[in-house]
N, C-alpha and C. Protein backbone atom coordinates (compact mmCIF):
# COMPACT_ATOMS: atom_id res chain seq x y z
N UNK A 1 -145.38 -45.91 47.49
CA UNK A 1 -145.67 -46.42 46.16
C UNK A 1 -147.06 -47.04 46.17
N UNK A 2 -147.81 -46.77 45.10
CA UNK A 2 -149.19 -47.25 45.02
C UNK A 2 -149.22 -48.75 44.72
N UNK A 3 -150.23 -49.39 45.24
CA UNK A 3 -150.44 -50.81 44.99
C UNK A 3 -150.88 -50.96 43.53
N UNK A 4 -150.21 -51.78 42.71
CA UNK A 4 -150.56 -51.91 41.29
C UNK A 4 -152.01 -52.32 41.07
N UNK A 5 -152.62 -53.03 42.02
CA UNK A 5 -154.00 -53.44 41.85
C UNK A 5 -154.98 -52.28 42.03
N UNK A 6 -154.55 -51.23 42.74
CA UNK A 6 -155.44 -50.09 42.97
C UNK A 6 -155.37 -49.05 41.85
N UNK A 7 -154.43 -49.17 40.94
CA UNK A 7 -154.28 -48.23 39.83
C UNK A 7 -155.18 -48.66 38.69
N UNK A 8 -156.01 -47.76 38.23
CA UNK A 8 -156.89 -48.08 37.11
C UNK A 8 -156.34 -47.50 35.82
N UNK A 9 -156.66 -48.14 34.73
CA UNK A 9 -156.24 -47.63 33.42
C UNK A 9 -157.43 -46.93 32.77
N UNK A 10 -157.17 -45.92 31.94
CA UNK A 10 -158.26 -45.23 31.28
C UNK A 10 -159.02 -46.16 30.34
N UNK A 11 -160.30 -45.91 30.19
CA UNK A 11 -161.11 -46.75 29.32
C UNK A 11 -161.08 -46.28 27.87
N UNK A 12 -160.75 -45.01 27.66
CA UNK A 12 -160.66 -44.50 26.28
C UNK A 12 -159.56 -43.46 26.19
N UNK A 13 -159.09 -43.26 24.99
CA UNK A 13 -158.04 -42.28 24.72
C UNK A 13 -158.72 -41.03 24.16
N UNK A 14 -158.41 -39.84 24.69
CA UNK A 14 -159.05 -38.63 24.16
C UNK A 14 -158.64 -38.37 22.72
N UNK A 15 -159.58 -37.91 21.91
CA UNK A 15 -159.33 -37.61 20.50
C UNK A 15 -159.04 -36.11 20.40
N UNK A 16 -157.76 -35.73 20.31
CA UNK A 16 -157.37 -34.34 20.24
C UNK A 16 -156.89 -34.02 18.83
N UNK A 17 -157.30 -32.86 18.31
CA UNK A 17 -156.82 -32.41 17.01
C UNK A 17 -155.37 -31.96 17.14
N UNK A 18 -154.58 -32.29 16.13
CA UNK A 18 -153.19 -31.86 16.14
C UNK A 18 -153.13 -30.38 15.80
N UNK A 19 -152.30 -29.60 16.50
CA UNK A 19 -152.24 -28.17 16.21
C UNK A 19 -151.65 -27.90 14.83
N UNK A 20 -152.06 -26.79 14.23
CA UNK A 20 -151.57 -26.42 12.89
C UNK A 20 -150.33 -25.54 12.95
N UNK A 21 -149.89 -25.13 14.14
CA UNK A 21 -148.72 -24.29 14.30
C UNK A 21 -147.79 -24.94 15.32
N UNK A 22 -146.53 -24.53 15.30
CA UNK A 22 -145.56 -25.10 16.24
C UNK A 22 -144.91 -26.35 15.66
N UNK A 23 -144.26 -27.11 16.52
CA UNK A 23 -143.58 -28.32 16.08
C UNK A 23 -144.57 -29.48 16.01
N UNK A 24 -145.34 -29.51 14.95
CA UNK A 24 -146.28 -30.60 14.75
C UNK A 24 -145.92 -31.31 13.45
N UNK A 25 -146.49 -32.47 13.26
CA UNK A 25 -146.22 -33.23 12.05
C UNK A 25 -146.64 -32.45 10.82
N UNK A 26 -147.78 -31.78 10.90
CA UNK A 26 -148.30 -31.01 9.76
C UNK A 26 -147.33 -29.89 9.38
N UNK A 27 -146.90 -29.09 10.35
CA UNK A 27 -146.04 -27.95 10.03
C UNK A 27 -144.65 -28.40 9.57
N UNK A 28 -144.13 -29.47 10.14
CA UNK A 28 -142.83 -29.96 9.70
C UNK A 28 -142.90 -30.50 8.27
N UNK A 29 -143.98 -31.18 7.94
CA UNK A 29 -144.14 -31.69 6.58
C UNK A 29 -144.27 -30.53 5.59
N UNK A 30 -145.05 -29.51 5.95
CA UNK A 30 -145.22 -28.35 5.09
C UNK A 30 -143.91 -27.61 4.90
N UNK A 31 -143.14 -27.44 5.96
CA UNK A 31 -141.85 -26.77 5.88
C UNK A 31 -140.88 -27.56 5.00
N UNK A 32 -140.87 -28.86 5.12
CA UNK A 32 -139.99 -29.69 4.29
C UNK A 32 -140.33 -29.60 2.82
N UNK A 33 -141.62 -29.59 2.52
CA UNK A 33 -142.05 -29.48 1.12
C UNK A 33 -141.69 -28.11 0.54
N UNK A 34 -141.86 -27.05 1.33
CA UNK A 34 -141.50 -25.71 0.87
C UNK A 34 -139.99 -25.62 0.63
N UNK A 35 -139.19 -26.24 1.49
CA UNK A 35 -137.74 -26.23 1.31
C UNK A 35 -137.33 -26.98 0.05
N UNK A 36 -137.98 -28.11 -0.22
CA UNK A 36 -137.67 -28.87 -1.44
C UNK A 36 -138.03 -28.08 -2.69
N UNK A 37 -139.18 -27.40 -2.65
CA UNK A 37 -139.58 -26.58 -3.80
C UNK A 37 -138.60 -25.44 -4.01
N UNK A 38 -138.18 -24.79 -2.94
CA UNK A 38 -137.22 -23.69 -3.04
C UNK A 38 -135.90 -24.16 -3.61
N UNK A 39 -135.44 -25.33 -3.20
CA UNK A 39 -134.18 -25.85 -3.71
C UNK A 39 -134.28 -26.16 -5.20
N UNK A 40 -135.38 -26.77 -5.62
CA UNK A 40 -135.56 -27.09 -7.04
C UNK A 40 -135.67 -25.81 -7.87
N UNK A 41 -136.38 -24.81 -7.35
CA UNK A 41 -136.49 -23.53 -8.07
C UNK A 41 -135.13 -22.85 -8.19
N UNK A 42 -134.33 -22.90 -7.12
CA UNK A 42 -132.99 -22.31 -7.17
C UNK A 42 -132.12 -23.02 -8.20
N UNK A 43 -132.22 -24.35 -8.28
CA UNK A 43 -131.47 -25.09 -9.30
C UNK A 43 -131.93 -24.73 -10.70
N UNK A 44 -133.24 -24.57 -10.88
CA UNK A 44 -133.78 -24.21 -12.20
C UNK A 44 -133.30 -22.82 -12.62
N UNK A 45 -133.29 -21.87 -11.69
CA UNK A 45 -132.80 -20.52 -12.01
C UNK A 45 -131.32 -20.56 -12.36
N UNK A 46 -130.56 -21.33 -11.61
CA UNK A 46 -129.13 -21.45 -11.89
C UNK A 46 -128.89 -22.07 -13.27
N UNK A 47 -129.67 -23.07 -13.60
CA UNK A 47 -129.53 -23.72 -14.91
C UNK A 47 -129.93 -22.78 -16.04
N UNK A 48 -131.04 -22.04 -15.85
CA UNK A 48 -131.56 -21.17 -16.90
C UNK A 48 -130.68 -19.94 -17.12
N UNK A 49 -130.12 -19.37 -16.07
CA UNK A 49 -129.34 -18.13 -16.22
C UNK A 49 -127.85 -18.38 -16.35
N UNK A 50 -127.38 -19.55 -15.95
CA UNK A 50 -125.95 -19.83 -16.00
C UNK A 50 -125.19 -19.16 -14.86
N UNK A 51 -125.91 -18.61 -13.89
CA UNK A 51 -125.29 -17.95 -12.75
C UNK A 51 -125.77 -18.64 -11.48
N UNK A 52 -124.94 -18.57 -10.46
CA UNK A 52 -125.32 -19.13 -9.18
C UNK A 52 -126.33 -18.25 -8.46
N UNK A 53 -126.90 -18.78 -7.40
CA UNK A 53 -127.93 -18.05 -6.66
C UNK A 53 -127.38 -16.76 -6.06
N UNK A 54 -126.15 -16.77 -5.55
CA UNK A 54 -125.59 -15.56 -4.97
C UNK A 54 -125.36 -14.49 -6.01
N UNK A 55 -124.96 -14.87 -7.22
CA UNK A 55 -124.80 -13.92 -8.30
C UNK A 55 -126.15 -13.39 -8.74
N UNK A 56 -127.12 -14.26 -8.83
CA UNK A 56 -128.48 -13.87 -9.25
C UNK A 56 -129.10 -12.89 -8.26
N UNK A 57 -128.80 -13.07 -6.99
CA UNK A 57 -129.30 -12.16 -5.95
C UNK A 57 -128.48 -10.88 -5.84
N UNK A 58 -127.36 -10.80 -6.54
CA UNK A 58 -126.53 -9.60 -6.53
C UNK A 58 -125.59 -9.52 -5.35
N UNK A 59 -125.34 -10.62 -4.68
CA UNK A 59 -124.46 -10.62 -3.52
C UNK A 59 -122.98 -10.74 -3.91
N UNK A 60 -122.71 -11.34 -5.06
CA UNK A 60 -121.34 -11.39 -5.59
C UNK A 60 -121.39 -11.02 -7.06
N UNK A 61 -120.27 -10.54 -7.59
CA UNK A 61 -120.25 -10.18 -9.01
C UNK A 61 -119.77 -11.35 -9.84
N UNK A 62 -120.25 -11.47 -11.05
CA UNK A 62 -119.86 -12.63 -11.90
C UNK A 62 -118.42 -12.59 -12.35
């Protein structure tokens, strides 16, 4: 085990750009916003047509 007095701490923290792909804060926020918009649009279509999303997509018959 190293002697605590011999261990040095860094003098600065590197400034790294966050990636735009993968599991990053940016992509998760963008995905959440897209999901919220899709849900609201699906509700609006259901309200306007009087049919559910599965009926509107033709997956079940009314």
